[in-house]
Amino acid sequence: MVIFRGRQPLLVVGGHLVHQRQKVLQSRSFFTVFEKYLEATKRYGWKGTLWKLYNLGDVKFGRLVGEDKNGFKYYEDPTEVYGQHRWTEYKVDSFDEVEGTLIPPEWHLWMHHVTDSPPGEGGQDPVNWEKTETVAHSDAPFTNHLGEHVPYYPNKTLYRSRGYNVGSLSITPDEPEQYYLQPGHLRRTRKHKQHFFADTDYNNPANSDESREQSLRPADVN
């Protein structure tokens, strides 16, 4: 005969009650949440329960592992979901003062599962850590993974005048332009009046207006 006592079924064998083991899925219901906060009220009181809800955002039950120099308390519950089984209760007046960087380095190791030993135990000492064999040779196919060194080449786009006898960060006002013009560009197919500005062949700066009678290329040629 099976008797249900709360959520744990009991099996009657020979007049004795025996706990029957079964796989119980973790679920939340009104009764489980009610029992949780009822237990929290018994342990911490209603003020302590409200403070934990405000500080942690949840009510947890676990064993006290230790306390740091700031008064922060560290708890652990192995039955809790992994990643949520270790937590800290900060000793602050307001949750706005809480910050993860307030945790000391020795407790940071324990909180992030670098070691299961709290501060003061041998597991915190790197001398007792497991030694890993290291190798001196490298199996990399290249000795230099950055590639061959290419000399600096300036961007010629900046090497052109801004007009009105004003230079730029790359050239001075009296320096000829070095910006390349594509074939068919207006600056190459049109001959401007010399009293406005000199029409220069930027692909051949020596061929200036003073030594040339015709335009760079006929206007009817595309």
N, C-alpha and C. Protein backbone atom coordinates (compact mmCIF):
# COMPACT_ATOMS: atom_id res chain seq x y z
N MET A 1 0.85 -1.18 0.00
CA MET A 1 0.00 0.00 0.00
C MET A 1 0.89 1.24 0.00
N VAL A 2 0.52 2.22 -0.80
CA VAL A 2 1.27 3.46 -0.93
C VAL A 2 0.48 4.58 -0.27
N ILE A 3 1.15 5.30 0.62
CA ILE A 3 0.55 6.43 1.31
C ILE A 3 1.31 7.69 0.90
N PHE A 4 0.58 8.71 0.49
CA PHE A 4 1.21 9.97 0.09
C PHE A 4 1.24 10.90 1.30
N ARG A 5 2.45 11.27 1.65
CA ARG A 5 2.65 12.20 2.75
C ARG A 5 3.31 13.46 2.20
N GLY A 6 2.50 14.47 1.97
CA GLY A 6 3.04 15.67 1.32
C GLY A 6 3.35 15.34 -0.12
N ARG A 7 4.63 15.49 -0.53
CA ARG A 7 5.04 15.17 -1.89
C ARG A 7 5.88 13.90 -1.93
N GLN A 8 6.15 13.27 -0.77
CA GLN A 8 6.97 12.08 -0.73
C GLN A 8 6.09 10.85 -0.49
N PRO A 9 6.00 9.95 -1.46
CA PRO A 9 5.20 8.74 -1.27
C PRO A 9 5.89 7.78 -0.31
N LEU A 10 5.09 7.12 0.53
CA LEU A 10 5.59 6.14 1.49
C LEU A 10 5.02 4.78 1.14
N LEU A 11 5.83 3.76 1.31
CA LEU A 11 5.42 2.40 1.00
C LEU A 11 5.37 1.61 2.30
N VAL A 12 4.23 0.99 2.55
CA VAL A 12 4.04 0.19 3.76
C VAL A 12 4.50 -1.23 3.48
N VAL A 13 5.56 -1.67 4.15
CA VAL A 13 6.11 -3.01 3.98
C VAL A 13 6.22 -3.64 5.36
N GLY A 14 5.45 -4.69 5.56
CA GLY A 14 5.52 -5.39 6.84
C GLY A 14 5.16 -4.52 8.02
N GLY A 15 4.26 -3.60 7.81
CA GLY A 15 3.84 -2.73 8.90
C GLY A 15 4.76 -1.56 9.14
N HIS A 16 5.84 -1.42 8.32
CA HIS A 16 6.78 -0.31 8.48
C HIS A 16 6.68 0.62 7.27
N LEU A 17 6.83 1.89 7.54
CA LEU A 17 6.80 2.87 6.47
C LEU A 17 8.19 3.00 5.86
N VAL A 18 8.28 2.85 4.56
CA VAL A 18 9.54 2.93 3.84
C VAL A 18 9.40 3.98 2.75
N HIS A 19 10.37 4.90 2.67
CA HIS A 19 10.34 5.91 1.62
C HIS A 19 10.55 5.24 0.27
N GLN A 20 9.67 5.53 -0.65
CA GLN A 20 9.77 5.00 -2.00
C GLN A 20 10.46 6.04 -2.89
N ARG A 21 11.61 5.65 -3.42
CA ARG A 21 12.37 6.56 -4.28
C ARG A 21 11.75 6.62 -5.67
N GLN A 22 11.62 7.80 -6.16
CA GLN A 22 11.14 7.98 -7.52
C GLN A 22 11.74 9.26 -8.09
N LYS A 23 11.80 9.33 -9.40
CA LYS A 23 12.37 10.48 -10.08
C LYS A 23 11.34 11.60 -10.11
N VAL A 24 11.59 12.63 -9.31
CA VAL A 24 10.67 13.75 -9.22
C VAL A 24 11.25 14.91 -10.02
N LEU A 25 10.51 15.39 -10.99
CA LEU A 25 10.95 16.52 -11.79
C LEU A 25 10.81 17.80 -10.98
N GLN A 26 11.79 18.69 -11.14
CA GLN A 26 11.76 19.95 -10.43
C GLN A 26 10.71 20.86 -11.07
N SER A 27 9.72 21.23 -10.32
CA SER A 27 8.64 22.06 -10.84
C SER A 27 8.21 23.03 -9.76
N ARG A 28 7.55 24.08 -10.19
CA ARG A 28 7.06 25.09 -9.26
C ARG A 28 5.54 25.12 -9.33
N SER A 29 4.94 25.16 -8.19
CA SER A 29 3.50 25.29 -8.11
C SER A 29 3.18 26.24 -6.95
N PHE A 30 1.92 26.47 -6.77
CA PHE A 30 1.53 27.36 -5.68
C PHE A 30 1.95 26.80 -4.33
N PHE A 31 1.83 25.47 -4.19
CA PHE A 31 2.14 24.86 -2.90
C PHE A 31 3.64 24.89 -2.63
N THR A 32 4.46 24.61 -3.65
CA THR A 32 5.90 24.63 -3.44
C THR A 32 6.40 26.04 -3.13
N VAL A 33 5.88 27.04 -3.83
CA VAL A 33 6.27 28.41 -3.55
C VAL A 33 5.79 28.84 -2.17
N PHE A 34 4.59 28.44 -1.81
CA PHE A 34 4.05 28.77 -0.48
C PHE A 34 4.90 28.15 0.61
N GLU A 35 5.27 26.87 0.43
CA GLU A 35 6.10 26.21 1.43
C GLU A 35 7.48 26.85 1.51
N LYS A 36 7.98 27.30 0.37
CA LYS A 36 9.31 27.93 0.35
C LYS A 36 9.31 29.20 1.19
N TYR A 37 8.34 30.06 0.97
CA TYR A 37 8.31 31.32 1.71
C TYR A 37 7.87 31.11 3.15
N LEU A 38 7.11 30.07 3.40
CA LEU A 38 6.77 29.74 4.79
C LEU A 38 8.02 29.31 5.55
N GLU A 39 8.85 28.49 4.91
CA GLU A 39 10.11 28.08 5.53
C GLU A 39 11.04 29.28 5.71
N ALA A 40 11.07 30.18 4.72
CA ALA A 40 11.92 31.36 4.83
C ALA A 40 11.47 32.26 5.97
N THR A 41 10.16 32.37 6.18
CA THR A 41 9.66 33.18 7.29
C THR A 41 10.04 32.57 8.63
N LYS A 42 10.03 31.24 8.70
CA LYS A 42 10.42 30.58 9.95
C LYS A 42 11.90 30.78 10.24
N ARG A 43 12.73 30.76 9.19
CA ARG A 43 14.17 30.87 9.40
C ARG A 43 14.63 32.31 9.60
N TYR A 44 14.16 33.20 8.72
CA TYR A 44 14.70 34.56 8.70
C TYR A 44 13.73 35.61 9.23
N GLY A 45 12.47 35.24 9.44
CA GLY A 45 11.48 36.23 9.80
C GLY A 45 10.98 36.96 8.56
N TRP A 46 9.89 37.67 8.70
CA TRP A 46 9.33 38.30 7.50
C TRP A 46 10.19 39.47 7.04
N LYS A 47 10.86 40.17 7.98
CA LYS A 47 11.75 41.25 7.56
C LYS A 47 12.97 40.70 6.83
N GLY A 48 13.56 39.64 7.37
CA GLY A 48 14.72 39.04 6.71
C GLY A 48 14.37 38.46 5.35
N THR A 49 13.17 37.90 5.23
CA THR A 49 12.75 37.35 3.94
C THR A 49 12.58 38.46 2.90
N LEU A 50 11.97 39.56 3.31
CA LEU A 50 11.82 40.68 2.37
C LEU A 50 13.17 41.27 1.99
N TRP A 51 14.11 41.31 2.93
CA TRP A 51 15.44 41.83 2.62
C TRP A 51 16.16 40.92 1.63
N LYS A 52 16.04 39.62 1.78
CA LYS A 52 16.67 38.70 0.83
C LYS A 52 16.04 38.82 -0.55
N LEU A 53 14.74 39.02 -0.59
CA LEU A 53 14.09 39.22 -1.88
C LEU A 53 14.58 40.51 -2.54
N TYR A 54 14.85 41.52 -1.74
CA TYR A 54 15.34 42.79 -2.29
C TYR A 54 16.82 42.71 -2.64
N ASN A 55 17.59 42.00 -1.85
CA ASN A 55 19.03 41.93 -2.04
C ASN A 55 19.41 40.94 -3.13
N LEU A 56 18.91 39.71 -3.02
CA LEU A 56 19.25 38.65 -3.96
C LEU A 56 18.25 38.51 -5.10
N GLY A 57 17.04 38.95 -4.87
CA GLY A 57 16.00 38.73 -5.86
C GLY A 57 15.32 37.39 -5.70
N ASP A 58 15.73 36.63 -4.69
CA ASP A 58 15.15 35.31 -4.45
C ASP A 58 15.50 34.90 -3.02
N VAL A 59 14.80 33.91 -2.54
CA VAL A 59 15.08 33.35 -1.22
C VAL A 59 15.75 32.00 -1.42
N LYS A 60 16.95 31.86 -0.88
CA LYS A 60 17.72 30.63 -1.03
C LYS A 60 18.04 30.06 0.34
N PHE A 61 18.22 28.75 0.36
CA PHE A 61 18.62 28.05 1.58
C PHE A 61 19.91 27.31 1.29
N GLY A 62 20.92 27.55 2.09
CA GLY A 62 22.20 26.88 1.89
C GLY A 62 23.05 27.01 3.13
N ARG A 63 24.19 26.34 3.09
CA ARG A 63 25.11 26.39 4.24
C ARG A 63 26.06 27.57 4.08
N LEU A 64 26.40 28.15 5.19
CA LEU A 64 27.32 29.28 5.21
C LEU A 64 28.74 28.75 5.06
N VAL A 65 29.42 29.14 3.98
CA VAL A 65 30.78 28.69 3.72
C VAL A 65 31.79 29.58 4.40
N GLY A 66 31.58 30.88 4.38
CA GLY A 66 32.52 31.79 5.01
C GLY A 66 32.08 33.23 4.86
N GLU A 67 32.90 34.11 5.40
CA GLU A 67 32.63 35.54 5.37
C GLU A 67 33.94 36.26 5.10
N ASP A 68 33.90 37.28 4.25
CA ASP A 68 35.12 38.00 3.90
C ASP A 68 35.30 39.22 4.80
N LYS A 69 36.34 40.01 4.49
CA LYS A 69 36.68 41.17 5.31
C LYS A 69 35.65 42.28 5.21
N ASN A 70 34.85 42.28 4.16
CA ASN A 70 33.81 43.30 3.99
C ASN A 70 32.51 42.94 4.69
N GLY A 71 32.45 41.75 5.24
CA GLY A 71 31.22 41.31 5.87
C GLY A 71 30.28 40.59 4.93
N PHE A 72 30.71 40.32 3.70
CA PHE A 72 29.88 39.58 2.75
C PHE A 72 29.89 38.10 3.13
N LYS A 73 28.74 37.48 3.10
CA LYS A 73 28.61 36.07 3.44
C LYS A 73 28.42 35.25 2.17
N TYR A 74 29.05 34.09 2.14
CA TYR A 74 29.04 33.22 0.97
C TYR A 74 28.38 31.91 1.33
N TYR A 75 27.42 31.52 0.49
CA TYR A 75 26.62 30.33 0.75
C TYR A 75 26.74 29.37 -0.43
N GLU A 76 26.40 28.11 -0.13
CA GLU A 76 26.42 27.07 -1.16
C GLU A 76 25.30 26.09 -0.89
N ASP A 77 24.62 25.70 -1.96
CA ASP A 77 23.56 24.69 -1.90
C ASP A 77 23.79 23.70 -3.03
N PRO A 78 24.38 22.53 -2.76
CA PRO A 78 24.67 21.56 -3.83
C PRO A 78 23.44 21.04 -4.55
N THR A 79 22.25 21.15 -3.93
CA THR A 79 21.03 20.67 -4.57
C THR A 79 20.43 21.69 -5.53
N GLU A 80 20.97 22.88 -5.55
CA GLU A 80 20.46 23.93 -6.44
C GLU A 80 21.00 23.71 -7.85
N VAL A 81 20.39 24.37 -8.83
CA VAL A 81 20.81 24.28 -10.22
C VAL A 81 22.25 24.78 -10.34
N TYR A 82 23.06 24.06 -11.13
CA TYR A 82 24.47 24.44 -11.27
C TYR A 82 24.57 25.84 -11.89
N GLY A 83 25.43 26.63 -11.31
CA GLY A 83 25.55 28.02 -11.70
C GLY A 83 24.78 28.95 -10.79
N GLN A 84 23.83 28.37 -10.02
CA GLN A 84 23.07 29.14 -9.04
C GLN A 84 23.24 28.59 -7.63
N HIS A 85 24.16 27.65 -7.48
CA HIS A 85 24.32 26.99 -6.18
C HIS A 85 25.32 27.71 -5.27
N ARG A 86 25.97 28.75 -5.76
CA ARG A 86 26.85 29.57 -4.93
C ARG A 86 26.43 31.03 -5.08
N TRP A 87 26.30 31.70 -3.98
CA TRP A 87 25.87 33.08 -4.04
C TRP A 87 26.45 33.86 -2.86
N THR A 88 26.29 35.16 -2.94
CA THR A 88 26.83 36.08 -1.94
C THR A 88 25.71 36.97 -1.42
N GLU A 89 25.74 37.18 -0.13
CA GLU A 89 24.85 38.16 0.49
C GLU A 89 25.71 39.35 0.90
N TYR A 90 25.50 40.48 0.24
CA TYR A 90 26.30 41.67 0.50
C TYR A 90 25.84 42.36 1.78
N LYS A 91 26.79 42.91 2.49
CA LYS A 91 26.48 43.69 3.69
C LYS A 91 26.46 45.16 3.31
N VAL A 92 25.34 45.59 2.79
CA VAL A 92 25.18 46.97 2.34
C VAL A 92 23.83 47.47 2.82
N ASP A 93 23.69 48.78 2.81
CA ASP A 93 22.42 49.39 3.22
C ASP A 93 21.42 49.45 2.09
N SER A 94 21.90 49.43 0.86
CA SER A 94 21.02 49.52 -0.30
C SER A 94 21.57 48.62 -1.40
N PHE A 95 20.68 48.04 -2.16
CA PHE A 95 21.11 47.18 -3.26
C PHE A 95 21.83 47.98 -4.35
N ASP A 96 21.64 49.30 -4.37
CA ASP A 96 22.32 50.13 -5.36
C ASP A 96 23.82 50.17 -5.13
N GLU A 97 24.28 49.81 -3.92
CA GLU A 97 25.70 49.82 -3.62
C GLU A 97 26.39 48.51 -4.00
N VAL A 98 25.64 47.54 -4.46
CA VAL A 98 26.19 46.21 -4.76
C VAL A 98 26.92 46.25 -6.09
N GLU A 99 28.10 45.67 -6.12
CA GLU A 99 28.89 45.56 -7.34
C GLU A 99 29.77 44.33 -7.24
N GLY A 100 29.90 43.60 -8.35
CA GLY A 100 30.66 42.36 -8.33
C GLY A 100 32.13 42.55 -8.03
N THR A 101 32.68 43.73 -8.32
CA THR A 101 34.10 43.96 -8.06
C THR A 101 34.40 44.11 -6.58
N LEU A 102 33.38 44.16 -5.73
CA LEU A 102 33.61 44.24 -4.29
C LEU A 102 34.05 42.91 -3.71
N ILE A 103 33.87 41.83 -4.45
CA ILE A 103 34.27 40.51 -3.95
C ILE A 103 35.79 40.40 -3.99
N PRO A 104 36.44 40.01 -2.90
CA PRO A 104 37.90 39.88 -2.89
C PRO A 104 38.37 38.78 -3.85
N PRO A 105 39.63 38.85 -4.28
CA PRO A 105 40.13 37.86 -5.25
C PRO A 105 40.06 36.43 -4.75
N GLU A 106 40.33 36.20 -3.45
CA GLU A 106 40.32 34.82 -2.95
C GLU A 106 38.92 34.21 -2.99
N TRP A 107 37.91 35.04 -2.75
CA TRP A 107 36.55 34.52 -2.86
C TRP A 107 36.07 34.50 -4.30
N HIS A 108 36.68 35.30 -5.15
CA HIS A 108 36.36 35.26 -6.58
C HIS A 108 36.70 33.90 -7.16
N LEU A 109 37.80 33.30 -6.72
CA LEU A 109 38.18 31.96 -7.18
C LEU A 109 37.10 30.95 -6.83
N TRP A 110 36.59 31.05 -5.63
CA TRP A 110 35.58 30.08 -5.19
C TRP A 110 34.24 30.33 -5.88
N MET A 111 33.86 31.57 -6.05
CA MET A 111 32.58 31.88 -6.68
C MET A 111 32.54 31.44 -8.13
N HIS A 112 33.67 31.51 -8.83
CA HIS A 112 33.72 31.17 -10.25
C HIS A 112 34.27 29.77 -10.49
N HIS A 113 34.27 28.95 -9.45
CA HIS A 113 34.58 27.52 -9.56
C HIS A 113 35.99 27.26 -10.08
N VAL A 114 36.90 28.20 -9.85
CA VAL A 114 38.30 27.92 -10.15
C VAL A 114 38.83 26.90 -9.17
N THR A 115 38.34 26.95 -7.95
CA THR A 115 38.67 25.97 -6.93
C THR A 115 37.47 25.79 -6.03
N ASP A 116 37.37 24.61 -5.43
CA ASP A 116 36.29 24.34 -4.49
C ASP A 116 36.70 24.63 -3.06
N SER A 117 37.92 25.09 -2.87
CA SER A 117 38.43 25.37 -1.53
C SER A 117 38.19 26.84 -1.20
N PRO A 118 37.58 27.12 -0.07
CA PRO A 118 37.42 28.52 0.34
C PRO A 118 38.76 29.09 0.79
N PRO A 119 38.84 30.39 0.95
CA PRO A 119 40.11 31.00 1.37
C PRO A 119 40.61 30.43 2.69
N GLY A 120 41.92 30.23 2.75
CA GLY A 120 42.53 29.67 3.94
C GLY A 120 42.86 28.20 3.82
N GLU A 121 42.28 27.51 2.85
CA GLU A 121 42.56 26.09 2.65
C GLU A 121 43.64 25.91 1.59
N GLY A 122 44.16 24.68 1.51
CA GLY A 122 45.28 24.41 0.62
C GLY A 122 44.96 24.56 -0.85
N GLY A 123 43.70 24.37 -1.22
CA GLY A 123 43.34 24.48 -2.62
C GLY A 123 43.47 25.87 -3.18
N GLN A 124 43.57 26.88 -2.32
CA GLN A 124 43.74 28.26 -2.78
C GLN A 124 45.18 28.56 -3.14
N ASP A 125 46.11 27.73 -2.70
CA ASP A 125 47.53 27.97 -2.96
C ASP A 125 47.90 27.40 -4.32
N PRO A 126 48.43 28.20 -5.25
CA PRO A 126 48.80 27.66 -6.57
C PRO A 126 49.85 26.56 -6.52
N VAL A 127 50.60 26.47 -5.43
CA VAL A 127 51.60 25.41 -5.31
C VAL A 127 50.94 24.04 -5.30
N ASN A 128 49.74 23.95 -4.78
CA ASN A 128 49.03 22.68 -4.68
C ASN A 128 48.19 22.37 -5.91
N TRP A 129 48.17 23.25 -6.88
CA TRP A 129 47.38 23.01 -8.08
C TRP A 129 48.02 21.94 -8.94
N GLU A 130 47.22 21.31 -9.76
CA GLU A 130 47.72 20.25 -10.64
C GLU A 130 48.66 20.85 -11.68
N LYS A 131 49.80 20.21 -11.82
CA LYS A 131 50.81 20.69 -12.76
C LYS A 131 50.48 20.18 -14.17
N THR A 132 50.58 21.06 -15.13
CA THR A 132 50.32 20.74 -16.53
C THR A 132 51.62 20.78 -17.31
N GLU A 133 51.86 19.75 -18.09
CA GLU A 133 53.09 19.68 -18.86
C GLU A 133 53.04 20.70 -20.00
N THR A 134 54.13 21.40 -20.15
CA THR A 134 54.25 22.39 -21.22
C THR A 134 55.34 21.96 -22.19
N VAL A 135 55.21 22.39 -23.44
CA VAL A 135 56.18 22.05 -24.48
C VAL A 135 56.86 23.33 -24.94
N ALA A 136 58.10 23.17 -25.38
CA ALA A 136 58.88 24.32 -25.82
C ALA A 136 58.79 24.53 -27.32
N HIS A 137 58.51 23.47 -28.09
CA HIS A 137 58.47 23.62 -29.54
C HIS A 137 57.09 24.09 -29.99
N SER A 138 57.02 24.54 -31.22
CA SER A 138 55.78 25.04 -31.80
C SER A 138 55.48 24.28 -33.08
N ASP A 139 54.21 23.94 -33.27
CA ASP A 139 53.76 23.25 -34.47
C ASP A 139 53.13 24.21 -35.48
N ALA A 140 53.30 25.50 -35.27
CA ALA A 140 52.72 26.48 -36.18
C ALA A 140 53.43 26.42 -37.54
N PRO A 141 52.69 26.52 -38.64
CA PRO A 141 53.32 26.43 -39.97
C PRO A 141 54.14 27.66 -40.33
N PHE A 142 53.94 28.78 -39.65
CA PHE A 142 54.66 30.00 -39.99
C PHE A 142 55.34 30.54 -38.74
N THR A 143 56.47 31.16 -38.96
CA THR A 143 57.17 31.82 -37.86
C THR A 143 56.63 33.21 -37.60
N ASN A 144 56.08 33.82 -38.63
CA ASN A 144 55.50 35.14 -38.49
C ASN A 144 54.08 35.11 -39.04
N HIS A 145 53.11 35.28 -38.19
CA HIS A 145 51.71 35.20 -38.60
C HIS A 145 51.15 36.56 -39.01
N LEU A 146 51.98 37.58 -39.00
CA LEU A 146 51.52 38.91 -39.41
C LEU A 146 51.74 39.17 -40.88
N GLY A 147 52.42 38.26 -41.58
CA GLY A 147 52.67 38.46 -42.99
C GLY A 147 53.89 39.31 -43.25
N GLU A 148 54.20 39.50 -44.53
CA GLU A 148 55.37 40.29 -44.89
C GLU A 148 55.13 41.78 -44.62
N HIS A 149 56.22 42.44 -44.32
CA HIS A 149 56.13 43.88 -44.04
C HIS A 149 56.00 44.65 -45.34
N VAL A 150 54.98 45.47 -45.43
CA VAL A 150 54.73 46.29 -46.61
C VAL A 150 55.05 47.74 -46.26
N PRO A 151 55.90 48.39 -47.03
CA PRO A 151 56.22 49.80 -46.70
C PRO A 151 54.99 50.69 -46.81
N TYR A 152 55.02 51.75 -46.06
CA TYR A 152 53.89 52.67 -46.04
C TYR A 152 53.76 53.37 -47.39
N TYR A 153 52.53 53.40 -47.90
CA TYR A 153 52.24 54.08 -49.16
C TYR A 153 51.12 55.08 -48.89
N PRO A 154 51.38 56.35 -49.09
CA PRO A 154 50.36 57.36 -48.75
C PRO A 154 49.16 57.27 -49.69
N ASN A 155 48.05 57.71 -49.18
CA ASN A 155 46.82 57.75 -49.96
C ASN A 155 46.84 59.00 -50.85
N LYS A 156 46.94 58.80 -52.14
CA LYS A 156 47.05 59.92 -53.07
C LYS A 156 45.75 60.73 -53.16
N THR A 157 44.68 60.21 -52.62
CA THR A 157 43.43 60.97 -52.66
C THR A 157 43.56 62.29 -51.91
N LEU A 158 44.41 62.31 -50.90
CA LEU A 158 44.58 63.52 -50.10
C LEU A 158 45.54 64.51 -50.74
N TYR A 159 46.24 64.08 -51.79
CA TYR A 159 47.25 64.95 -52.39
C TYR A 159 46.63 65.78 -53.52
N ARG A 160 45.66 66.58 -53.20
CA ARG A 160 45.05 67.48 -54.17
C ARG A 160 44.68 68.78 -53.47
N SER A 161 44.66 69.83 -54.23
CA SER A 161 44.45 71.15 -53.68
C SER A 161 42.99 71.36 -53.32
N ARG A 162 42.77 72.21 -52.36
CA ARG A 162 41.42 72.56 -51.95
C ARG A 162 40.94 73.84 -52.64
N GLY A 163 41.79 74.41 -53.49
CA GLY A 163 41.42 75.64 -54.18
C GLY A 163 41.72 76.88 -53.37
N TYR A 164 41.66 78.01 -54.03
CA TYR A 164 41.87 79.32 -53.41
C TYR A 164 43.24 79.41 -52.74
N ASN A 165 44.21 78.71 -53.34
CA ASN A 165 45.59 78.74 -52.83
C ASN A 165 45.66 78.30 -51.36
N VAL A 166 44.89 77.27 -51.06
CA VAL A 166 44.86 76.72 -49.70
C VAL A 166 45.36 75.28 -49.77
N GLY A 167 46.31 74.96 -48.94
CA GLY A 167 46.85 73.61 -48.90
C GLY A 167 46.01 72.69 -48.03
N SER A 168 46.57 71.55 -47.72
CA SER A 168 45.89 70.57 -46.88
C SER A 168 46.92 69.97 -45.93
N LEU A 169 46.51 68.95 -45.21
CA LEU A 169 47.43 68.28 -44.29
C LEU A 169 48.50 67.49 -45.03
N SER A 170 48.27 67.19 -46.30
CA SER A 170 49.21 66.35 -47.05
C SER A 170 50.11 67.16 -47.96
N ILE A 171 49.63 68.25 -48.52
CA ILE A 171 50.44 69.05 -49.44
C ILE A 171 50.34 70.51 -49.06
N THR A 172 51.29 71.28 -49.56
CA THR A 172 51.30 72.73 -49.36
C THR A 172 50.62 73.40 -50.55
N PRO A 173 50.25 74.69 -50.44
CA PRO A 173 49.56 75.35 -51.56
C PRO A 173 50.37 75.39 -52.85
N ASP A 174 51.70 75.48 -52.74
CA ASP A 174 52.52 75.57 -53.95
C ASP A 174 52.96 74.21 -54.47
N GLU A 175 52.51 73.13 -53.88
CA GLU A 175 52.91 71.79 -54.32
C GLU A 175 51.91 71.27 -55.34
N PRO A 176 52.38 70.69 -56.46
CA PRO A 176 51.43 70.18 -57.47
C PRO A 176 50.63 69.00 -56.95
N GLU A 177 49.43 68.88 -57.48
CA GLU A 177 48.57 67.78 -57.06
C GLU A 177 49.10 66.45 -57.60
N GLN A 178 48.88 65.40 -56.83
CA GLN A 178 49.29 64.06 -57.22
C GLN A 178 48.11 63.11 -57.32
N TYR A 179 46.91 63.67 -57.25
CA TYR A 179 45.72 62.83 -57.30
C TYR A 179 45.49 62.34 -58.72
N TYR A 180 45.30 61.04 -58.88
CA TYR A 180 45.11 60.46 -60.21
C TYR A 180 43.69 60.71 -60.69
N LEU A 181 43.57 61.16 -61.92
CA LEU A 181 42.27 61.38 -62.54
C LEU A 181 42.01 60.30 -63.58
N GLN A 182 40.84 59.72 -63.52
CA GLN A 182 40.47 58.69 -64.46
C GLN A 182 40.29 59.29 -65.86
N PRO A 183 40.51 58.48 -66.91
CA PRO A 183 40.25 58.96 -68.28
C PRO A 183 38.79 59.37 -68.44
N GLY A 184 38.56 60.51 -69.07
CA GLY A 184 37.22 61.02 -69.22
C GLY A 184 36.81 61.99 -68.15
N HIS A 185 37.67 62.20 -67.14
CA HIS A 185 37.36 63.16 -66.09
C HIS A 185 37.33 64.57 -66.67
N LEU A 186 36.46 65.42 -66.12
CA LEU A 186 36.33 66.78 -66.64
C LEU A 186 37.63 67.56 -66.54
N ARG A 187 38.40 67.27 -65.51
CA ARG A 187 39.66 67.99 -65.36
C ARG A 187 40.69 67.56 -66.41
N ARG A 188 40.42 66.47 -67.13
CA ARG A 188 41.34 66.01 -68.16
C ARG A 188 40.83 66.32 -69.57
N THR A 189 39.53 66.46 -69.76
CA THR A 189 38.96 66.64 -71.10
C THR A 189 38.64 68.10 -71.41
N ARG A 190 38.62 68.96 -70.43
CA ARG A 190 38.29 70.36 -70.66
C ARG A 190 39.51 71.23 -70.41
N LYS A 191 39.65 72.26 -71.22
CA LYS A 191 40.73 73.22 -71.05
C LYS A 191 40.16 74.48 -70.42
N HIS A 192 40.62 74.76 -69.20
CA HIS A 192 40.09 75.90 -68.47
C HIS A 192 40.90 77.15 -68.83
N LYS A 193 40.29 78.26 -68.60
CA LYS A 193 40.97 79.52 -68.84
C LYS A 193 42.10 79.68 -67.83
N GLN A 194 43.23 80.13 -68.34
CA GLN A 194 44.40 80.20 -67.50
C GLN A 194 44.30 81.27 -66.43
N HIS A 195 43.43 82.26 -66.65
CA HIS A 195 43.34 83.30 -65.63
C HIS A 195 42.54 82.82 -64.42
N PHE A 196 41.83 81.64 -64.54
CA PHE A 196 41.18 81.04 -63.37
C PHE A 196 42.16 80.15 -62.61
N PHE A 197 42.65 79.12 -63.24
CA PHE A 197 43.69 78.26 -62.66
C PHE A 197 44.31 77.46 -63.79
N ALA A 198 45.51 77.01 -63.58
CA ALA A 198 46.24 76.27 -64.60
C ALA A 198 45.71 74.86 -64.71
N ASP A 199 45.52 74.41 -65.95
CA ASP A 199 45.05 73.06 -66.20
C ASP A 199 46.27 72.16 -66.32
N THR A 200 46.45 71.27 -65.35
CA THR A 200 47.66 70.45 -65.28
C THR A 200 47.32 69.01 -65.56
N ASP A 201 48.18 68.36 -66.32
CA ASP A 201 48.06 66.93 -66.54
C ASP A 201 48.64 66.23 -65.31
N TYR A 202 47.77 65.69 -64.48
CA TYR A 202 48.24 65.12 -63.22
C TYR A 202 48.95 63.80 -63.42
N ASN A 203 48.77 63.18 -64.58
CA ASN A 203 49.53 61.98 -64.89
C ASN A 203 50.89 62.32 -65.50
N ASN A 204 51.07 63.59 -65.90
CA ASN A 204 52.34 64.07 -66.44
C ASN A 204 52.47 65.54 -66.05
N PRO A 205 52.84 65.81 -64.80
CA PRO A 205 52.87 67.21 -64.34
C PRO A 205 53.79 68.10 -65.15
N ALA A 206 54.82 67.53 -65.82
CA ALA A 206 55.73 68.37 -66.61
C ALA A 206 55.03 68.99 -67.81
N ASN A 207 53.95 68.38 -68.29
CA ASN A 207 53.21 68.89 -69.44
C ASN A 207 52.19 69.91 -68.94
N SER A 208 52.63 71.11 -68.63
CA SER A 208 51.78 72.14 -68.08
C SER A 208 51.17 73.00 -69.19
N ASP A 209 50.33 73.95 -68.79
CA ASP A 209 49.68 74.81 -69.77
C ASP A 209 50.66 75.70 -70.52
N GLU A 210 51.76 76.08 -69.85
CA GLU A 210 52.71 76.97 -70.49
C GLU A 210 53.40 76.32 -71.69
N SER A 211 53.52 74.99 -71.70
CA SER A 211 54.19 74.29 -72.80
C SER A 211 53.21 73.49 -73.64
N ARG A 212 51.91 73.77 -73.52
CA ARG A 212 50.92 73.01 -74.27
C ARG A 212 49.89 73.97 -74.84
N GLU A 213 49.56 73.78 -76.09
CA GLU A 213 48.59 74.64 -76.76
C GLU A 213 47.21 74.00 -76.81
N GLN A 214 47.13 72.67 -76.78
CA GLN A 214 45.86 71.97 -76.86
C GLN A 214 45.49 71.43 -75.47
N SER A 215 44.24 70.99 -75.35
CA SER A 215 43.78 70.40 -74.10
C SER A 215 44.39 69.02 -73.91
N LEU A 216 44.18 68.46 -72.75
CA LEU A 216 44.77 67.16 -72.44
C LEU A 216 44.29 66.09 -73.41
N ARG A 217 43.03 66.13 -73.79
CA ARG A 217 42.48 65.25 -74.82
C ARG A 217 41.28 65.95 -75.42
N PRO A 218 40.96 65.68 -76.66
CA PRO A 218 39.83 66.37 -77.31
C PRO A 218 38.54 66.19 -76.52
N ALA A 219 37.71 67.23 -76.52
CA ALA A 219 36.46 67.17 -75.76
C ALA A 219 35.46 66.21 -76.37
N ASP A 220 35.60 65.90 -77.69
CA ASP A 220 34.65 65.00 -78.33
C ASP A 220 35.03 63.54 -78.16
N VAL A 221 36.12 63.26 -77.48
CA VAL A 221 36.56 61.89 -77.26
C VAL A 221 36.22 61.49 -75.83
N ASN A 222 35.47 60.41 -75.69
CA ASN A 222 35.07 59.96 -74.36
C ASN A 222 36.12 59.04 -73.78
